[in-house]
Amino acid sequence: QVQLVESGGGLVQVGGSLTLSCASSTQTILTMAWFRQAPGKEREFVAAISSFADTKRYVESVKGRFIISRNNMKNTLHLVMHNLKSEDTAVYFCAASRAVVATSRRDEYAYWGQGTQVTVSS
C-alpha cells in the first residue's frame, strides 16, 4: 500500500507563488501526478512526471506557470506554482500510478493523498 501525504497549501494573493510537496511511503519508483478539485467541479489533471523525470505533462492552463519535479532519493514530489490565478483555487491531490508513461488519465492512478487546500485571493 502506497501512502501519499501532501503539504504546502495555503492562502496566497493573485500573482503569487506557492510550492506543494508530496511525501511517498514507498521507495518503488512510480509515475506521479498532481490533480486538483475546485468546489462543485470534477477532479482535473494538473501535471504528471514519469518515474525518472524524463517526461513531464501539464494541463494547458498551467503551462509556463507550474513546474513539477521529483526527488527519488527522498521519495518526494513537488509542484512549484507561479503567477497564481483565482481559478487555481482548489484542493490539490498527489497521485501515484504504475503506468509507464506520465499519464493524465485519472483512472490510471491507484494511489491518492488526502489533498491540500490552495486558495488564491484577489
N, C-alpha and C. Protein backbone atom coordinates (compact mmCIF):
# COMPACT_ATOMS: atom_id res chain seq x y z
N GLN A 1 0.84 -1.18 0.00
CA GLN A 1 0.00 0.00 0.00
C GLN A 1 0.88 1.24 0.00
N VAL A 2 0.60 2.14 -0.91
CA VAL A 2 1.35 3.39 -1.03
C VAL A 2 0.58 4.49 -0.31
N GLN A 3 1.27 5.18 0.59
CA GLN A 3 0.65 6.32 1.27
C GLN A 3 1.30 7.60 0.78
N LEU A 4 0.46 8.57 0.48
CA LEU A 4 0.92 9.86 -0.02
C LEU A 4 0.42 10.97 0.89
N VAL A 5 1.30 11.88 1.25
CA VAL A 5 0.92 12.97 2.14
C VAL A 5 1.36 14.29 1.54
N GLU A 6 0.38 15.15 1.25
CA GLU A 6 0.68 16.45 0.67
C GLU A 6 0.91 17.49 1.75
N SER A 7 1.66 18.53 1.39
CA SER A 7 1.88 19.67 2.28
C SER A 7 2.16 20.90 1.43
N GLY A 8 2.09 22.06 2.06
CA GLY A 8 2.47 23.29 1.37
C GLY A 8 1.33 24.15 0.89
N GLY A 9 0.11 23.69 1.05
CA GLY A 9 -1.01 24.51 0.62
C GLY A 9 -1.18 25.73 1.51
N GLY A 10 -2.03 26.66 1.08
CA GLY A 10 -2.28 27.84 1.88
C GLY A 10 -2.98 28.92 1.11
N LEU A 11 -2.96 30.10 1.68
CA LEU A 11 -3.60 31.27 1.08
C LEU A 11 -2.53 32.16 0.45
N VAL A 12 -2.75 32.55 -0.79
CA VAL A 12 -1.79 33.38 -1.50
C VAL A 12 -2.56 34.37 -2.37
N GLN A 13 -1.96 35.51 -2.63
CA GLN A 13 -2.62 36.51 -3.46
C GLN A 13 -2.42 36.21 -4.93
N VAL A 14 -3.29 36.76 -5.73
CA VAL A 14 -3.16 36.63 -7.18
C VAL A 14 -1.77 37.13 -7.60
N GLY A 15 -1.13 36.33 -8.45
CA GLY A 15 0.21 36.67 -8.91
C GLY A 15 1.32 36.11 -8.04
N GLY A 16 0.95 35.54 -6.92
CA GLY A 16 1.94 34.99 -6.01
C GLY A 16 2.39 33.59 -6.39
N SER A 17 3.24 33.04 -5.55
CA SER A 17 3.79 31.70 -5.79
C SER A 17 3.60 30.81 -4.57
N LEU A 18 3.58 29.52 -4.83
CA LEU A 18 3.41 28.54 -3.76
C LEU A 18 4.04 27.23 -4.21
N THR A 19 4.61 26.49 -3.27
CA THR A 19 5.18 25.20 -3.61
C THR A 19 4.49 24.09 -2.81
N LEU A 20 3.98 23.12 -3.51
CA LEU A 20 3.38 21.95 -2.88
C LEU A 20 4.38 20.80 -2.86
N SER A 21 4.30 19.99 -1.83
CA SER A 21 5.14 18.81 -1.74
C SER A 21 4.29 17.59 -1.41
N CYS A 22 4.79 16.43 -1.81
CA CYS A 22 4.10 15.17 -1.53
C CYS A 22 5.15 14.16 -1.12
N ALA A 23 4.95 13.56 0.03
CA ALA A 23 5.86 12.53 0.53
C ALA A 23 5.23 11.16 0.31
N SER A 24 6.01 10.26 -0.28
CA SER A 24 5.52 8.91 -0.54
C SER A 24 6.12 7.93 0.45
N SER A 25 5.32 6.93 0.82
CA SER A 25 5.79 5.94 1.79
C SER A 25 6.61 4.84 1.14
N THR A 26 6.64 4.81 -0.20
CA THR A 26 7.31 3.72 -0.89
C THR A 26 8.55 4.20 -1.62
N GLN A 27 9.53 3.31 -1.71
CA GLN A 27 10.71 3.60 -2.49
C GLN A 27 10.54 3.10 -3.93
N THR A 28 9.42 2.44 -4.19
CA THR A 28 9.12 2.00 -5.54
C THR A 28 8.93 3.21 -6.43
N ILE A 29 9.60 3.22 -7.55
CA ILE A 29 9.53 4.38 -8.43
C ILE A 29 8.27 4.28 -9.28
N LEU A 30 7.41 5.26 -9.14
CA LEU A 30 6.13 5.27 -9.83
C LEU A 30 5.95 6.56 -10.60
N THR A 31 5.12 6.53 -11.60
CA THR A 31 4.68 7.76 -12.24
C THR A 31 3.83 8.52 -11.23
N MET A 32 4.05 9.82 -11.13
CA MET A 32 3.31 10.60 -10.14
C MET A 32 2.71 11.84 -10.78
N ALA A 33 1.70 12.37 -10.11
CA ALA A 33 0.98 13.49 -10.70
C ALA A 33 0.31 14.34 -9.64
N TRP A 34 -0.10 15.52 -10.06
CA TRP A 34 -0.95 16.40 -9.27
C TRP A 34 -2.28 16.56 -9.99
N PHE A 35 -3.34 16.46 -9.23
CA PHE A 35 -4.68 16.75 -9.70
C PHE A 35 -5.25 17.83 -8.77
N ARG A 36 -6.33 18.46 -9.19
CA ARG A 36 -6.98 19.44 -8.33
C ARG A 36 -8.50 19.37 -8.51
N GLN A 37 -9.17 19.80 -7.46
CA GLN A 37 -10.62 19.79 -7.50
C GLN A 37 -11.15 21.07 -6.86
N ALA A 38 -11.81 21.87 -7.66
CA ALA A 38 -12.44 23.10 -7.19
C ALA A 38 -13.86 22.78 -6.71
N PRO A 39 -14.42 23.63 -5.86
CA PRO A 39 -15.77 23.38 -5.35
C PRO A 39 -16.78 23.23 -6.48
N GLY A 40 -17.54 22.16 -6.44
CA GLY A 40 -18.59 21.94 -7.43
C GLY A 40 -18.09 21.44 -8.77
N LYS A 41 -16.81 21.14 -8.86
CA LYS A 41 -16.24 20.68 -10.12
C LYS A 41 -15.61 19.31 -9.96
N GLU A 42 -15.39 18.66 -11.09
CA GLU A 42 -14.73 17.36 -11.06
C GLU A 42 -13.23 17.53 -10.85
N ARG A 43 -12.62 16.49 -10.35
CA ARG A 43 -11.17 16.50 -10.17
C ARG A 43 -10.52 16.51 -11.54
N GLU A 44 -9.56 17.42 -11.72
CA GLU A 44 -8.91 17.54 -13.01
C GLU A 44 -7.39 17.37 -12.91
N PHE A 45 -6.83 16.90 -13.99
CA PHE A 45 -5.38 16.71 -14.10
C PHE A 45 -4.67 18.05 -14.13
N VAL A 46 -3.53 18.14 -13.46
CA VAL A 46 -2.71 19.35 -13.47
C VAL A 46 -1.36 19.07 -14.12
N ALA A 47 -0.63 18.09 -13.58
CA ALA A 47 0.71 17.80 -14.09
C ALA A 47 1.10 16.38 -13.71
N ALA A 48 1.94 15.78 -14.54
CA ALA A 48 2.44 14.43 -14.25
C ALA A 48 3.91 14.35 -14.60
N ILE A 49 4.60 13.42 -13.96
CA ILE A 49 6.03 13.23 -14.20
C ILE A 49 6.30 11.73 -14.18
N SER A 50 7.08 11.28 -15.15
CA SER A 50 7.38 9.86 -15.24
C SER A 50 8.36 9.45 -14.15
N SER A 51 8.59 8.15 -14.05
CA SER A 51 9.37 7.59 -12.93
C SER A 51 10.73 8.24 -12.75
N PHE A 52 11.43 8.48 -13.84
CA PHE A 52 12.78 9.07 -13.74
C PHE A 52 12.82 10.48 -14.32
N ALA A 53 11.66 11.12 -14.30
CA ALA A 53 11.54 12.54 -14.66
C ALA A 53 11.92 12.84 -16.10
N ASP A 54 11.93 11.84 -16.96
CA ASP A 54 12.28 12.10 -18.34
C ASP A 54 11.11 12.65 -19.15
N THR A 55 9.91 12.47 -18.62
CA THR A 55 8.73 13.01 -19.29
C THR A 55 7.86 13.77 -18.29
N LYS A 56 7.42 14.96 -18.68
CA LYS A 56 6.52 15.75 -17.87
C LYS A 56 5.34 16.17 -18.74
N ARG A 57 4.20 16.26 -18.13
CA ARG A 57 3.00 16.65 -18.86
C ARG A 57 2.22 17.63 -18.01
N TYR A 58 1.65 18.66 -18.67
CA TYR A 58 0.88 19.69 -17.97
C TYR A 58 -0.44 19.93 -18.67
N VAL A 59 -1.45 20.30 -17.89
CA VAL A 59 -2.67 20.78 -18.49
C VAL A 59 -2.38 22.16 -19.08
N GLU A 60 -3.04 22.49 -20.16
CA GLU A 60 -2.74 23.72 -20.89
C GLU A 60 -2.79 24.97 -20.02
N SER A 61 -3.72 25.01 -19.10
CA SER A 61 -3.95 26.22 -18.30
C SER A 61 -2.82 26.55 -17.33
N VAL A 62 -1.92 25.60 -17.07
CA VAL A 62 -0.82 25.87 -16.13
C VAL A 62 0.54 25.88 -16.80
N LYS A 63 0.60 25.60 -18.07
CA LYS A 63 1.88 25.59 -18.78
C LYS A 63 2.55 26.95 -18.69
N GLY A 64 3.85 26.93 -18.36
CA GLY A 64 4.59 28.18 -18.22
C GLY A 64 4.48 28.79 -16.84
N ARG A 65 3.59 28.26 -16.01
CA ARG A 65 3.43 28.80 -14.64
C ARG A 65 3.78 27.77 -13.57
N PHE A 66 3.46 26.51 -13.82
CA PHE A 66 3.71 25.44 -12.85
C PHE A 66 4.87 24.57 -13.30
N ILE A 67 5.62 24.05 -12.33
CA ILE A 67 6.72 23.15 -12.62
C ILE A 67 6.62 21.94 -11.69
N ILE A 68 6.56 20.76 -12.29
CA ILE A 68 6.53 19.53 -11.50
C ILE A 68 7.93 18.94 -11.45
N SER A 69 8.30 18.41 -10.29
CA SER A 69 9.61 17.78 -10.15
C SER A 69 9.52 16.69 -9.08
N ARG A 70 10.56 15.89 -9.04
CA ARG A 70 10.57 14.81 -8.05
C ARG A 70 11.99 14.56 -7.58
N ASN A 71 12.09 13.99 -6.38
CA ASN A 71 13.38 13.58 -5.83
C ASN A 71 13.22 12.12 -5.41
N ASN A 72 13.71 11.22 -6.22
CA ASN A 72 13.53 9.79 -5.96
C ASN A 72 14.34 9.32 -4.75
N MET A 73 15.40 10.03 -4.43
CA MET A 73 16.18 9.65 -3.25
C MET A 73 15.41 9.92 -1.97
N LYS A 74 14.57 10.96 -2.01
CA LYS A 74 13.78 11.33 -0.83
C LYS A 74 12.32 10.90 -0.94
N ASN A 75 11.95 10.27 -2.04
CA ASN A 75 10.57 9.84 -2.27
C ASN A 75 9.59 11.01 -2.18
N THR A 76 9.95 12.12 -2.81
CA THR A 76 9.09 13.29 -2.76
C THR A 76 8.76 13.80 -4.15
N LEU A 77 7.62 14.45 -4.23
CA LEU A 77 7.11 15.07 -5.45
C LEU A 77 6.82 16.53 -5.11
N HIS A 78 7.07 17.42 -6.07
CA HIS A 78 6.86 18.84 -5.82
C HIS A 78 6.11 19.49 -6.96
N LEU A 79 5.42 20.57 -6.63
CA LEU A 79 4.77 21.38 -7.65
C LEU A 79 5.00 22.84 -7.29
N VAL A 80 5.82 23.50 -8.09
CA VAL A 80 6.08 24.93 -7.89
C VAL A 80 5.09 25.69 -8.76
N MET A 81 4.34 26.56 -8.12
CA MET A 81 3.27 27.29 -8.82
C MET A 81 3.58 28.79 -8.79
N HIS A 82 3.71 29.37 -9.96
CA HIS A 82 3.99 30.80 -10.09
C HIS A 82 2.79 31.50 -10.74
N ASN A 83 2.75 32.83 -10.56
CA ASN A 83 1.72 33.65 -11.19
C ASN A 83 0.33 33.04 -10.98
N LEU A 84 0.02 32.77 -9.74
CA LEU A 84 -1.23 32.11 -9.43
C LEU A 84 -2.43 32.98 -9.75
N LYS A 85 -3.50 32.33 -10.20
CA LYS A 85 -4.74 33.00 -10.57
C LYS A 85 -5.86 32.50 -9.66
N SER A 86 -6.93 33.26 -9.61
CA SER A 86 -8.05 32.87 -8.74
C SER A 86 -8.61 31.51 -9.16
N GLU A 87 -8.54 31.23 -10.46
CA GLU A 87 -9.06 29.95 -10.93
C GLU A 87 -8.18 28.76 -10.56
N ASP A 88 -7.03 29.02 -9.96
CA ASP A 88 -6.18 27.92 -9.46
C ASP A 88 -6.63 27.46 -8.07
N THR A 89 -7.57 28.17 -7.48
CA THR A 89 -8.08 27.79 -6.17
C THR A 89 -8.73 26.42 -6.24
N ALA A 90 -8.26 25.52 -5.39
CA ALA A 90 -8.76 24.14 -5.39
C ALA A 90 -8.06 23.35 -4.30
N VAL A 91 -8.54 22.15 -4.08
CA VAL A 91 -7.80 21.18 -3.27
C VAL A 91 -6.89 20.43 -4.24
N TYR A 92 -5.63 20.38 -3.92
CA TYR A 92 -4.65 19.73 -4.78
C TYR A 92 -4.28 18.36 -4.21
N PHE A 93 -4.33 17.36 -5.08
CA PHE A 93 -4.08 15.98 -4.70
C PHE A 93 -2.84 15.44 -5.38
N CYS A 94 -2.05 14.74 -4.63
CA CYS A 94 -0.91 13.98 -5.15
C CYS A 94 -1.42 12.58 -5.49
N ALA A 95 -0.92 12.03 -6.60
CA ALA A 95 -1.36 10.70 -7.00
C ALA A 95 -0.18 9.92 -7.57
N ALA A 96 -0.27 8.59 -7.47
CA ALA A 96 0.79 7.73 -7.98
C ALA A 96 0.20 6.61 -8.83
N SER A 97 0.92 6.26 -9.86
CA SER A 97 0.44 5.27 -10.82
C SER A 97 1.56 4.30 -11.20
N ARG A 98 1.16 3.08 -11.53
CA ARG A 98 2.13 2.11 -12.04
C ARG A 98 2.26 2.20 -13.56
N ALA A 99 1.63 3.19 -14.14
CA ALA A 99 1.75 3.40 -15.58
C ALA A 99 3.18 3.74 -15.95
N VAL A 100 3.57 3.36 -17.13
CA VAL A 100 4.94 3.59 -17.59
C VAL A 100 5.12 5.05 -18.03
N VAL A 101 4.06 5.61 -18.59
CA VAL A 101 4.14 6.98 -19.11
C VAL A 101 3.52 7.95 -18.13
N ALA A 102 3.80 9.23 -18.31
CA ALA A 102 3.24 10.28 -17.46
C ALA A 102 1.82 10.58 -17.92
N THR A 103 0.92 9.74 -17.52
CA THR A 103 -0.45 9.81 -17.99
C THR A 103 -1.26 10.89 -17.27
N SER A 104 -2.23 11.45 -18.00
CA SER A 104 -3.14 12.44 -17.42
C SER A 104 -4.48 11.81 -17.04
N ARG A 105 -4.63 10.53 -17.29
CA ARG A 105 -5.90 9.85 -17.02
C ARG A 105 -6.06 9.56 -15.54
N ARG A 106 -7.09 10.08 -14.97
CA ARG A 106 -7.33 9.91 -13.55
C ARG A 106 -7.48 8.44 -13.17
N ASP A 107 -8.08 7.64 -14.04
CA ASP A 107 -8.32 6.23 -13.70
C ASP A 107 -7.04 5.39 -13.74
N GLU A 108 -5.94 5.98 -14.19
CA GLU A 108 -4.66 5.28 -14.19
C GLU A 108 -3.95 5.38 -12.85
N TYR A 109 -4.46 6.25 -11.97
CA TYR A 109 -3.81 6.48 -10.69
C TYR A 109 -4.54 5.73 -9.58
N ALA A 110 -3.83 4.79 -8.97
CA ALA A 110 -4.44 3.95 -7.94
C ALA A 110 -4.26 4.49 -6.54
N TYR A 111 -3.28 5.36 -6.37
CA TYR A 111 -2.95 5.84 -5.03
C TYR A 111 -3.11 7.36 -4.97
N TRP A 112 -3.75 7.82 -3.88
CA TRP A 112 -4.07 9.23 -3.73
C TRP A 112 -3.78 9.72 -2.33
N GLY A 113 -3.36 10.98 -2.24
CA GLY A 113 -3.23 11.62 -0.95
C GLY A 113 -4.56 12.21 -0.53
N GLN A 114 -4.58 12.85 0.63
CA GLN A 114 -5.80 13.43 1.18
C GLN A 114 -6.07 14.82 0.63
N GLY A 115 -5.07 15.44 0.05
CA GLY A 115 -5.26 16.75 -0.55
C GLY A 115 -4.81 17.89 0.35
N THR A 116 -4.45 19.00 -0.29
CA THR A 116 -4.07 20.20 0.43
C THR A 116 -4.74 21.40 -0.26
N GLN A 117 -5.29 22.29 0.54
CA GLN A 117 -6.06 23.41 0.00
C GLN A 117 -5.15 24.54 -0.47
N VAL A 118 -5.42 25.01 -1.67
CA VAL A 118 -4.75 26.20 -2.20
C VAL A 118 -5.84 27.23 -2.49
N THR A 119 -5.70 28.38 -1.89
CA THR A 119 -6.67 29.46 -2.10
C THR A 119 -5.94 30.68 -2.61
N VAL A 120 -6.37 31.17 -3.76
CA VAL A 120 -5.75 32.34 -4.38
C VAL A 120 -6.76 33.48 -4.28
N SER A 121 -6.39 34.51 -3.57
CA SER A 121 -7.32 35.61 -3.33
C SER A 121 -6.91 36.85 -4.10
N SER A 122 -7.92 37.64 -4.45
CA SER A 122 -7.65 38.89 -5.14
C SER A 122 -7.81 40.06 -4.18
